[in-house]
Amino acid sequence: MASKKTSYGFDRIINIILAIIPITNIILGVVNRAKKANWLGVILNIVLFFIFYWVDLITIILYDDLRLLAD
């Protein structure tokens, strides 16, 4: 069975591990938002990284996808 790649582009368990580590969460969150040309999300992720860290972590665990300012 082929595994589904979501959010950061990895399998679910790898996404959760990367979301738990703060520096990778911030970097990959910025890259993911920039890849989707969401510049407001990029700026807010850099400025309010402590809030985005927790929101991204929760949404990765629950939905395996970035939900807040990612689309």
Protein backbone atom coordinates (compact mmCIF):
# COMPACT_ATOMS: atom_id res chain seq x y z
CA MET A 1 0.00 0.00 0.00
CA ALA A 2 1.37 3.41 -0.92
CA SER A 3 1.66 5.88 1.90
CA LYS A 4 -0.10 9.24 1.67
CA LYS A 5 2.19 12.26 1.81
CA THR A 6 0.68 15.35 3.39
CA SER A 7 1.54 18.64 5.04
CA TYR A 8 5.34 18.72 5.23
CA GLY A 9 5.53 16.11 2.45
CA PHE A 10 6.39 13.11 4.61
CA ASP A 11 4.48 10.22 6.16
CA ARG A 12 2.21 10.97 9.13
CA ILE A 13 4.61 9.82 11.87
CA ILE A 14 7.51 11.79 10.36
CA ASN A 15 5.25 14.87 10.12
CA ILE A 16 4.42 14.57 13.82
CA ILE A 17 8.09 14.18 14.78
CA LEU A 18 9.08 17.21 12.69
CA ALA A 19 6.20 19.22 14.16
CA ILE A 20 7.34 18.43 17.73
CA ILE A 21 10.85 19.80 17.15
CA PRO A 22 10.42 23.61 17.35
CA ILE A 23 13.05 24.69 14.82
CA THR A 24 11.90 22.25 12.13
CA ASN A 25 8.28 23.20 12.82
CA ILE A 26 9.05 26.87 12.24
CA ILE A 27 11.25 26.32 9.18
CA LEU A 28 8.91 23.86 7.49
CA GLY A 29 5.88 25.98 8.36
CA VAL A 30 7.46 29.00 6.68
CA VAL A 31 8.54 26.95 3.66
CA ASN A 32 5.11 25.34 3.32
CA ARG A 33 3.32 28.69 3.48
CA ALA A 34 5.79 30.30 1.05
CA LYS A 35 5.37 27.40 -1.37
CA LYS A 36 1.64 28.15 -1.41
CA ALA A 37 2.39 31.89 -1.87
CA ASN A 38 0.71 32.78 1.42
CA TRP A 39 2.94 35.72 2.35
CA LEU A 40 0.78 36.89 5.26
CA GLY A 41 1.10 33.43 6.78
CA VAL A 42 4.88 33.50 6.29
CA ILE A 43 5.25 36.88 8.01
CA LEU A 44 2.95 35.93 10.87
CA ASN A 45 4.72 32.59 11.30
CA ILE A 46 8.06 34.39 11.67
CA VAL A 47 6.76 37.10 14.01
CA LEU A 48 4.37 34.96 16.09
CA PHE A 49 6.35 31.73 15.93
CA PHE A 50 5.47 30.71 19.50
CA ILE A 51 1.74 30.72 18.68
CA PHE A 52 2.15 29.12 15.26
CA TYR A 53 4.34 26.39 16.81
CA TRP A 54 1.47 25.18 18.99
CA VAL A 55 -1.23 25.64 16.37
CA ASP A 56 0.80 23.81 13.72
CA LEU A 57 1.63 21.03 16.18
CA ILE A 58 -2.04 20.52 17.10
CA THR A 59 -3.25 20.59 13.50
CA ILE A 60 -0.53 18.16 12.37
CA ILE A 61 -1.49 15.72 15.12
CA LEU A 62 -5.25 16.02 14.59
CA TYR A 63 -5.54 16.46 10.82
CA ASP A 64 -2.04 15.67 9.46
CA ASP A 65 -2.21 18.98 7.62
CA LEU A 66 -1.51 22.65 8.28
CA ARG A 67 -4.83 24.44 8.61
CA LEU A 68 -4.22 27.98 9.89
CA LEU A 69 -3.06 30.47 7.24
CA ALA A 70 -1.57 27.69 5.13
CA ASP A 71 -3.81 27.78 2.06
